[in-house]
Amino acid sequence: MTEPLFPNPVAHRGLHDRASGIIENSASAFEAAILAGFAIECDVQLTSDGVPVIFHDDDMKRLLGKEGAVADCTAADITATKLLDSAAGDCPQKFSDFLTQIAGRALLQIELKHQRDTTGTQLLARAVAEALKAYEGPVTVESFDPHLLTAIRQFGFTGPRGIITYDYKPDGWDSHLTEAQRYTLRHLLHWHETQFDFISCAQDALQLPAIAFWRALGKPVTAWTVRSQTEADAALPGADQIVFEGFAPKSA
């Protein structure tokens, strides 16, 4: 029997708990996930000097209490700034330091964050691909942006690549997309370009025809972001694994 791509539940941004001083995407959150036997999902942004760092938001306000965008900040600056409420004094890590910390001890689901322009997209994909060439351990890469999936393959990443998707009903953060773009993304019509190996789908969009179609053809599906065992039980009939936070899931 073939080993599943995601055998264990995936800790969303690590096993974090801000009330306990363990902040998302921090070294402490990743260590906690490893100790609990979970896979790790994390986010990668690009700094102004072209260095990939582990960070979710485009701006630094929520997590660092600083004004400005990550893309306008140097790697030296952001990695020397403490994450708000971190009991251990964790700062955002360079992607290379993150890989050194994990050292193959857990499966990685690495999300490449959408960049401002084509230049940023290419720089992020190249930097991550180069870093992963020397990494020994189970790793996958994913993105909402089809162009990032294509670019990282072109720069030599040969591991599993996943498209992140949802129903693409209009909301605030993706208001820049046209209806045609939403249609393409909702129905995964970029397949000829991306040739994705797996899908990471919002738990409330698992019934989309494209998700059922590709899963029936053997593409693994992870469901995000699951926040209770009740949600996990509801998601798993339509998915192969969960990406979770805020509770201790049973193994899927």
C-alpha atoms as a PDB file:
ATOM      1  CA  MET A   1       0.000   0.000   0.000  1.00  0.00           C
ATOM      2  CA  THR A   2       1.298   3.456  -0.918  1.00  0.00           C
ATOM      3  CA  GLU A   3       2.150   5.677   2.028  1.00  0.00           C
ATOM      4  CA  PRO A   4      -0.170   8.726   2.111  1.00  0.00           C
ATOM      5  CA  LEU A   5       1.411  12.065   1.311  1.00  0.00           C
ATOM      6  CA  PHE A   6       0.102  13.523   4.591  1.00  0.00           C
ATOM      7  CA  PRO A   7      -0.014  10.657   7.120  1.00  0.00           C
ATOM      8  CA  ASN A   8      -0.413  12.920  10.183  1.00  0.00           C
ATOM      9  CA  PRO A   9      -2.574  15.975  10.924  1.00  0.00           C
ATOM     10  CA  VAL A  10      -0.851  19.223   9.929  1.00  0.00           C
ATOM     11  CA  ALA A  11      -0.354  21.908  12.587  1.00  0.00           C
ATOM     12  CA  HIS A  12      -1.337  25.235  11.011  1.00  0.00           C
ATOM     13  CA  ARG A  13       1.610  27.630  11.476  1.00  0.00           C
ATOM     14  CA  GLY A  14       2.962  25.158  14.012  1.00  0.00           C
ATOM     15  CA  LEU A  15       1.333  24.082  17.252  1.00  0.00           C
ATOM     16  CA  HIS A  16       0.750  27.605  18.518  1.00  0.00           C
ATOM     17  CA  ASP A  17      -1.158  28.987  21.492  1.00  0.00           C
ATOM     18  CA  ARG A  18      -0.824  32.721  21.956  1.00  0.00           C
ATOM     19  CA  ALA A  19      -2.394  32.588  25.436  1.00  0.00           C
ATOM     20  CA  SER A  20       0.501  30.349  26.481  1.00  0.00           C
ATOM     21  CA  GLY A  21       3.101  32.514  24.758  1.00  0.00           C
ATOM     22  CA  ILE A  22       3.622  30.182  21.786  1.00  0.00           C
ATOM     23  CA  ILE A  23       3.169  32.326  18.689  1.00  0.00           C
ATOM     24  CA  GLU A  24       2.236  31.177  15.194  1.00  0.00           C
ATOM     25  CA  ASN A  25       5.097  30.444  12.799  1.00  0.00           C
ATOM     26  CA  SER A  26       7.630  30.588  15.635  1.00  0.00           C
ATOM     27  CA  ALA A  27      10.437  28.220  16.521  1.00  0.00           C
ATOM     28  CA  SER A  28       8.540  27.334  19.702  1.00  0.00           C
ATOM     29  CA  ALA A  29       5.367  26.468  17.767  1.00  0.00           C
ATOM     30  CA  PHE A  30       7.294  24.268  15.357  1.00  0.00           C
ATOM     31  CA  GLU A  31       9.090  22.463  18.170  1.00  0.00           C
ATOM     32  CA  ALA A  32       5.769  21.840  19.905  1.00  0.00           C
ATOM     33  CA  ALA A  33       4.330  20.345  16.712  1.00  0.00           C
ATOM     34  CA  ILE A  34       7.299  18.023  16.320  1.00  0.00           C
ATOM     35  CA  LEU A  35       7.068  16.850  19.925  1.00  0.00           C
ATOM     36  CA  ALA A  36       3.352  16.101  19.454  1.00  0.00           C
ATOM     37  CA  GLY A  37       3.968  14.095  16.280  1.00  0.00           C
ATOM     38  CA  PHE A  38       2.274  16.463  13.826  1.00  0.00           C
ATOM     39  CA  ALA A  39       3.298  17.693  10.402  1.00  0.00           C
ATOM     40  CA  ILE A  40       3.963  21.432  10.080  1.00  0.00           C
ATOM     41  CA  GLU A  41       2.378  24.073   7.872  1.00  0.00           C
ATOM     42  CA  CYS A  42       4.240  27.385   7.661  1.00  0.00           C
ATOM     43  CA  ASP A  43       4.285  30.583   5.615  1.00  0.00           C
ATOM     44  CA  VAL A  44       7.144  32.190   3.701  1.00  0.00           C
ATOM     45  CA  GLN A  45       7.415  35.863   2.783  1.00  0.00           C
ATOM     46  CA  LEU A  46      10.212  37.748   1.009  1.00  0.00           C
ATOM     47  CA  THR A  47      12.069  40.701   2.558  1.00  0.00           C
ATOM     48  CA  SER A  48      13.262  43.825   0.773  1.00  0.00           C
ATOM     49  CA  ASP A  49      16.739  42.310   0.377  1.00  0.00           C
ATOM     50  CA  GLY A  50      15.417  39.112  -1.175  1.00  0.00           C
ATOM     51  CA  VAL A  51      15.594  36.799   1.833  1.00  0.00           C
ATOM     52  CA  PRO A  52      12.736  34.341   2.513  1.00  0.00           C
ATOM     53  CA  VAL A  53      11.468  34.499   6.105  1.00  0.00           C
ATOM     54  CA  ILE A  54       8.855  32.555   8.062  1.00  0.00           C
ATOM     55  CA  PHE A  55       5.933  34.968   8.410  1.00  0.00           C
ATOM     56  CA  HIS A  56       2.265  34.971   7.424  1.00  0.00           C
ATOM     57  CA  ASP A  57       1.015  38.538   7.077  1.00  0.00           C
ATOM     58  CA  ASP A  58       1.998  41.025   4.391  1.00  0.00           C
ATOM     59  CA  ASP A  59       2.450  43.688   7.074  1.00  0.00           C
ATOM     60  CA  MET A  60       4.104  43.519  10.496  1.00  0.00           C
ATOM     61  CA  LYS A  61       1.482  45.157  12.715  1.00  0.00           C
ATOM     62  CA  ARG A  62      -0.412  42.153  14.090  1.00  0.00           C
ATOM     63  CA  LEU A  63       2.565  39.971  14.896  1.00  0.00           C
ATOM     64  CA  LEU A  64       5.380  42.433  15.555  1.00  0.00           C
ATOM     65  CA  GLY A  65       3.627  45.674  16.492  1.00  0.00           C
ATOM     66  CA  LYS A  66       5.510  47.530  13.738  1.00  0.00           C
ATOM     67  CA  GLU A  67       4.203  49.575  10.860  1.00  0.00           C
ATOM     68  CA  GLY A  68       5.132  48.653   7.324  1.00  0.00           C
ATOM     69  CA  ALA A  69       5.218  45.696   4.968  1.00  0.00           C
ATOM     70  CA  VAL A  70       7.506  42.700   5.211  1.00  0.00           C
ATOM     71  CA  ALA A  71       8.504  43.361   1.604  1.00  0.00           C
ATOM     72  CA  ASP A  72       9.854  46.781   2.661  1.00  0.00           C
ATOM     73  CA  CYS A  73      11.818  45.443   5.649  1.00  0.00           C
ATOM     74  CA  THR A  74      15.281  43.869   5.627  1.00  0.00           C
ATOM     75  CA  ALA A  75      15.836  40.336   6.837  1.00  0.00           C
ATOM     76  CA  ALA A  76      18.185  41.586   9.551  1.00  0.00           C
ATOM     77  CA  ASP A  77      15.496  43.907  10.896  1.00  0.00           C
ATOM     78  CA  ILE A  78      12.550  41.506  10.917  1.00  0.00           C
ATOM     79  CA  THR A  79      14.530  38.582  12.341  1.00  0.00           C
ATOM     80  CA  ALA A  80      15.728  40.773  15.219  1.00  0.00           C
ATOM     81  CA  THR A  81      12.205  41.846  16.204  1.00  0.00           C
ATOM     82  CA  LYS A  82      10.428  39.840  18.898  1.00  0.00           C
ATOM     83  CA  LEU A  83       7.057  38.325  18.071  1.00  0.00           C
ATOM     84  CA  LEU A  84       4.415  39.943  20.278  1.00  0.00           C
ATOM     85  CA  ASP A  85       3.558  37.897  23.391  1.00  0.00           C
ATOM     86  CA  SER A  86       6.258  35.289  22.756  1.00  0.00           C
ATOM     87  CA  ALA A  87       7.212  33.732  26.089  1.00  0.00           C
ATOM     88  CA  ALA A  88      10.491  32.472  24.649  1.00  0.00           C
ATOM     89  CA  GLY A  89      11.359  35.761  22.942  1.00  0.00           C
ATOM     90  CA  ASP A  90      11.035  34.186  19.488  1.00  0.00           C
ATOM     91  CA  CYS A  91      11.676  36.341  16.420  1.00  0.00           C
ATOM     92  CA  PRO A  92      10.703  35.496  12.851  1.00  0.00           C
ATOM     93  CA  GLN A  93      13.224  33.102  11.332  1.00  0.00           C
ATOM     94  CA  LYS A  94      15.006  33.135   8.030  1.00  0.00           C
ATOM     95  CA  PHE A  95      13.772  30.236   5.936  1.00  0.00           C
ATOM     96  CA  SER A  96      17.250  28.710   6.033  1.00  0.00           C
ATOM     97  CA  ASP A  97      17.291  28.812   9.844  1.00  0.00           C
ATOM     98  CA  PHE A  98      13.838  27.235   9.931  1.00  0.00           C
ATOM     99  CA  LEU A  99      15.072  24.329   7.816  1.00  0.00           C
ATOM    100  CA  THR A 100      18.047  23.906  10.136  1.00  0.00           C
ATOM    101  CA  GLN A 101      15.689  23.770  13.118  1.00  0.00           C
ATOM    102  CA  ILE A 102      13.344  21.163  11.600  1.00  0.00           C
ATOM    103  CA  ALA A 103      16.138  19.026  10.130  1.00  0.00           C
ATOM    104  CA  GLY A 104      13.803  16.400   8.693  1.00  0.00           C
ATOM    105  CA  ARG A 105      11.981  15.703  11.966  1.00  0.00           C
ATOM    106  CA  ALA A 106       8.515  16.471  10.565  1.00  0.00           C
ATOM    107  CA  LEU A 107       6.777  16.681   7.207  1.00  0.00           C
ATOM    108  CA  LEU A 108       6.626  20.289   6.005  1.00  0.00           C
ATOM    109  CA  GLN A 109       3.771  21.947   4.126  1.00  0.00           C
ATOM    110  CA  ILE A 110       5.386  25.237   3.092  1.00  0.00           C
ATOM    111  CA  GLU A 111       3.106  27.993   1.822  1.00  0.00           C
ATOM    112  CA  LEU A 112       4.664  30.554  -0.505  1.00  0.00           C
ATOM    113  CA  LYS A 113       2.814  33.816   0.006  1.00  0.00           C
ATOM    114  CA  HIS A 114       1.568  35.880  -2.937  1.00  0.00           C
ATOM    115  CA  GLN A 115       4.032  38.654  -3.829  1.00  0.00           C
ATOM    116  CA  ARG A 116       3.465  42.173  -5.125  1.00  0.00           C
ATOM    117  CA  ASP A 117       4.800  41.613  -8.613  1.00  0.00           C
ATOM    118  CA  THR A 118       6.436  39.175 -10.999  1.00  0.00           C
ATOM    119  CA  THR A 119       9.917  40.063  -9.766  1.00  0.00           C
ATOM    120  CA  GLY A 120       9.005  39.196  -6.187  1.00  0.00           C
ATOM    121  CA  THR A 121       7.324  35.988  -7.315  1.00  0.00           C
ATOM    122  CA  GLN A 122      10.431  34.865  -9.160  1.00  0.00           C
ATOM    123  CA  LEU A 123      12.792  35.842  -6.342  1.00  0.00           C
ATOM    124  CA  LEU A 124      10.779  34.018  -3.693  1.00  0.00           C
ATOM    125  CA  ALA A 125      10.422  30.861  -5.763  1.00  0.00           C
ATOM    126  CA  ARG A 126      14.125  30.812  -6.626  1.00  0.00           C
ATOM    127  CA  ALA A 127      15.308  31.428  -3.065  1.00  0.00           C
ATOM    128  CA  VAL A 128      13.083  28.717  -1.589  1.00  0.00           C
ATOM    129  CA  ALA A 129      13.972  26.228  -4.326  1.00  0.00           C
ATOM    130  CA  GLU A 130      17.686  26.837  -3.772  1.00  0.00           C
ATOM    131  CA  ALA A 131      17.361  26.396  -0.003  1.00  0.00           C
ATOM    132  CA  LEU A 132      15.424  23.147  -0.404  1.00  0.00           C
ATOM    133  CA  LYS A 133      18.025  21.576  -2.698  1.00  0.00           C
ATOM    134  CA  ALA A 134      20.232  20.927   0.329  1.00  0.00           C
ATOM    135  CA  TYR A 135      17.402  19.959   2.685  1.00  0.00           C
ATOM    136  CA  GLU A 136      17.042  16.343   3.733  1.00  0.00           C
ATOM    137  CA  GLY A 137      13.556  15.551   4.959  1.00  0.00           C
ATOM    138  CA  PRO A 138       9.942  15.252   3.807  1.00  0.00           C
ATOM    139  CA  VAL A 139       8.737  18.509   2.316  1.00  0.00           C
ATOM    140  CA  THR A 140       5.890  19.864   0.203  1.00  0.00           C
ATOM    141  CA  VAL A 141       5.326  23.355  -1.194  1.00  0.00           C
ATOM    142  CA  GLU A 142       1.980  25.055  -1.788  1.00  0.00           C
ATOM    143  CA  SER A 143       0.516  28.425  -2.734  1.00  0.00           C
ATOM    144  CA  PHE A 144      -2.714  30.193  -3.640  1.00  0.00           C
ATOM    145  CA  ASP A 145      -0.752  31.672  -6.556  1.00  0.00           C
ATOM    146  CA  PRO A 146      -0.423  29.325  -9.559  1.00  0.00           C
ATOM    147  CA  HIS A 147       2.553  31.339 -10.792  1.00  0.00           C
ATOM    148  CA  LEU A 148       4.547  30.467  -7.664  1.00  0.00           C
ATOM    149  CA  LEU A 149       3.919  26.755  -8.198  1.00  0.00           C
ATOM    150  CA  THR A 150       5.109  27.004 -11.772  1.00  0.00           C
ATOM    151  CA  ALA A 151       8.131  29.113 -10.864  1.00  0.00           C
ATOM    152  CA  ILE A 152       9.425  26.877  -8.083  1.00  0.00           C
ATOM    153  CA  ARG A 153       9.287  23.893 -10.421  1.00  0.00           C
ATOM    154  CA  GLN A 154      11.224  25.864 -13.030  1.00  0.00           C
ATOM    155  CA  PHE A 155      13.860  26.658 -10.406  1.00  0.00           C
ATOM    156  CA  GLY A 156      14.427  22.993  -9.676  1.00  0.00           C
ATOM    157  CA  PHE A 157      12.086  21.940  -6.886  1.00  0.00           C
ATOM    158  CA  THR A 158      11.012  18.383  -7.673  1.00  0.00           C
ATOM    159  CA  GLY A 159       8.925  17.573  -4.573  1.00  0.00           C
ATOM    160  CA  PRO A 160       5.137  17.642  -4.252  1.00  0.00           C
ATOM    161  CA  ARG A 161       3.519  20.990  -5.072  1.00  0.00           C
ATOM    162  CA  GLY A 162      -0.002  21.901  -3.998  1.00  0.00           C
ATOM    163  CA  ILE A 163      -2.557  24.519  -4.955  1.00  0.00           C
ATOM    164  CA  ILE A 164      -4.440  26.199  -2.094  1.00  0.00           C
ATOM    165  CA  THR A 165      -8.021  27.017  -2.933  1.00  0.00           C
ATOM    166  CA  TYR A 166     -11.495  27.885  -1.646  1.00  0.00           C
ATOM    167  CA  ASP A 167     -14.823  28.943  -3.164  1.00  0.00           C
ATOM    168  CA  TYR A 168     -13.563  32.379  -4.284  1.00  0.00           C
ATOM    169  CA  LYS A 169     -16.753  34.152  -3.370  1.00  0.00           C
ATOM    170  CA  PRO A 170     -15.945  37.889  -3.270  1.00  0.00           C
ATOM    171  CA  ASP A 171     -14.538  39.120   0.031  1.00  0.00           C
ATOM    172  CA  GLY A 172     -12.157  41.792   1.220  1.00  0.00           C
ATOM    173  CA  TRP A 173      -8.714  40.300   0.792  1.00  0.00           C
ATOM    174  CA  ASP A 174      -9.084  39.069  -2.792  1.00  0.00           C
ATOM    175  CA  SER A 175     -11.157  41.934  -4.172  1.00  0.00           C
ATOM    176  CA  HIS A 176      -8.462  42.611  -6.778  1.00  0.00           C
ATOM    177  CA  LEU A 177      -9.426  39.455  -8.678  1.00  0.00           C
ATOM    178  CA  THR A 178     -11.722  39.597 -11.688  1.00  0.00           C
ATOM    179  CA  GLU A 179     -14.677  37.223 -11.976  1.00  0.00           C
ATOM    180  CA  ALA A 180     -12.813  35.359 -14.729  1.00  0.00           C
ATOM    181  CA  GLN A 181      -9.824  34.902 -12.449  1.00  0.00           C
ATOM    182  CA  ARG A 182     -12.084  33.678  -9.643  1.00  0.00           C
ATOM    183  CA  TYR A 183     -13.663  31.154 -11.997  1.00  0.00           C
ATOM    184  CA  THR A 184     -10.267  29.848 -13.104  1.00  0.00           C
ATOM    185  CA  LEU A 185      -9.030  29.516  -9.531  1.00  0.00           C
ATOM    186  CA  ARG A 186     -12.280  28.023  -8.172  1.00  0.00           C
ATOM    187  CA  HIS A 187     -12.301  25.297 -10.816  1.00  0.00           C
ATOM    188  CA  LEU A 188      -8.522  24.728 -10.883  1.00  0.00           C
ATOM    189  CA  LEU A 189      -8.388  25.492 -14.593  1.00  0.00           C
ATOM    190  CA  HIS A 190      -4.676  26.325 -14.293  1.00  0.00           C
ATOM    191  CA  TRP A 191      -3.836  22.602 -14.282  1.00  0.00           C
ATOM    192  CA  HIS A 192      -2.049  22.818 -17.645  1.00  0.00           C
ATOM    193  CA  GLU A 193       0.274  25.409 -16.068  1.00  0.00           C
ATOM    194  CA  THR A 194       0.676  24.205 -12.495  1.00  0.00           C
ATOM    195  CA  GLN A 195       0.328  20.421 -12.734  1.00  0.00           C
ATOM    196  CA  PHE A 196      -0.183  20.378  -8.973  1.00  0.00           C
ATOM    197  CA  ASP A 197       0.382  17.197  -6.958  1.00  0.00           C
ATOM    198  CA  PHE A 198      -2.102  17.909  -4.171  1.00  0.00           C
ATOM    199  CA  ILE A 199      -4.824  20.351  -3.165  1.00  0.00           C
ATOM    200  CA  SER A 200      -5.234  22.280   0.076  1.00  0.00           C
ATOM    201  CA  CYS A 201      -8.866  23.350   0.235  1.00  0.00           C
ATOM    202  CA  ALA A 202     -10.900  25.421   2.679  1.00  0.00           C
ATOM    203  CA  GLN A 203     -13.029  23.049   4.722  1.00  0.00           C
ATOM    204  CA  ASP A 204     -16.246  24.746   3.598  1.00  0.00           C
ATOM    205  CA  ALA A 205     -15.379  24.305  -0.095  1.00  0.00           C
ATOM    206  CA  LEU A 206     -14.611  20.589  -0.203  1.00  0.00           C
ATOM    207  CA  GLN A 207     -17.790  19.929  -2.191  1.00  0.00           C
ATOM    208  CA  LEU A 208     -16.634  22.011  -5.154  1.00  0.00           C
ATOM    209  CA  PRO A 209     -16.779  19.861  -8.302  1.00  0.00           C
ATOM    210  CA  ALA A 210     -13.099  20.393  -9.051  1.00  0.00           C
ATOM    211  CA  ILE A 211     -12.055  19.115  -5.618  1.00  0.00           C
ATOM    212  CA  ALA A 212     -14.119  15.950  -5.930  1.00  0.00           C
ATOM    213  CA  PHE A 213     -12.884  15.440  -9.510  1.00  0.00           C
ATOM    214  CA  TRP A 214      -9.174  15.692  -8.743  1.00  0.00           C
ATOM    215  CA  ARG A 215      -9.464  13.677  -5.523  1.00  0.00           C
ATOM    216  CA  ALA A 216     -11.187  10.905  -7.468  1.00  0.00           C
ATOM    217  CA  LEU A 217      -8.185  10.938  -9.804  1.00  0.00           C
ATOM    218  CA  GLY A 218      -5.864  10.414  -6.834  1.00  0.00           C
ATOM    219  CA  LYS A 219      -4.764  13.919  -5.872  1.00  0.00           C
ATOM    220  CA  PRO A 220      -4.514  14.154  -2.056  1.00  0.00           C
ATOM    221  CA  VAL A 221      -6.605  16.877  -0.413  1.00  0.00           C
ATOM    222  CA  THR A 222      -5.893  18.629   2.888  1.00  0.00           C
ATOM    223  CA  ALA A 223      -8.682  20.666   4.521  1.00  0.00           C
ATOM    224  CA  TRP A 224      -7.961  24.006   6.204  1.00  0.00           C
ATOM    225  CA  THR A 225      -8.284  25.512   8.752  1.00  0.00           C
ATOM    226  CA  VAL A 226      -9.996  23.017  11.066  1.00  0.00           C
ATOM    227  CA  ARG A 227     -10.577  24.289  14.603  1.00  0.00           C
ATOM    228  CA  SER A 228     -12.400  21.456  16.391  1.00  0.00           C
ATOM    229  CA  GLN A 229     -12.825  17.699  16.269  1.00  0.00           C
ATOM    230  CA  THR A 230     -16.388  18.267  15.105  1.00  0.00           C
ATOM    231  CA  GLU A 231     -15.086  20.212  12.109  1.00  0.00           C
ATOM    232  CA  ALA A 232     -12.471  17.520  11.489  1.00  0.00           C
ATOM    233  CA  ASP A 233     -15.084  14.766  11.476  1.00  0.00           C
ATOM    234  CA  ALA A 234     -17.164  16.786   9.007  1.00  0.00           C
ATOM    235  CA  ALA A 235     -14.212  17.507   6.709  1.00  0.00           C
ATOM    236  CA  LEU A 236     -12.522  14.120   6.491  1.00  0.00           C
ATOM    237  CA  PRO A 237     -15.084  12.374   4.241  1.00  0.00           C
ATOM    238  CA  GLY A 238     -14.089  14.899   1.567  1.00  0.00           C
ATOM    239  CA  ALA A 239     -10.392  15.194   2.404  1.00  0.00           C
ATOM    240  CA  ASP A 240      -7.394  13.017   3.164  1.00  0.00           C
ATOM    241  CA  GLN A 241      -6.002  15.050   6.041  1.00  0.00           C
ATOM    242  CA  ILE A 242      -6.670  18.189   8.084  1.00  0.00           C
ATOM    243  CA  VAL A 243      -4.692  21.377   8.667  1.00  0.00           C
ATOM    244  CA  PHE A 244      -5.696  22.365  12.179  1.00  0.00           C
ATOM    245  CA  GLU A 245      -5.240  24.806  15.029  1.00  0.00           C
ATOM    246  CA  GLY A 246      -6.688  25.406  18.484  1.00  0.00           C
ATOM    247  CA  PHE A 247      -7.353  21.791  19.507  1.00  0.00           C
ATOM    248  CA  ALA A 248      -5.673  18.373  19.704  1.00  0.00           C
ATOM    249  CA  PRO A 249      -7.006  16.279  16.802  1.00  0.00           C
ATOM    250  CA  LYS A 250      -7.321  12.548  16.569  1.00  0.00           C
ATOM    251  CA  SER A 251      -5.137  11.020  13.874  1.00  0.00           C
ATOM    252  CA  ALA A 252      -6.883  11.007  10.504  1.00  0.00           C
END
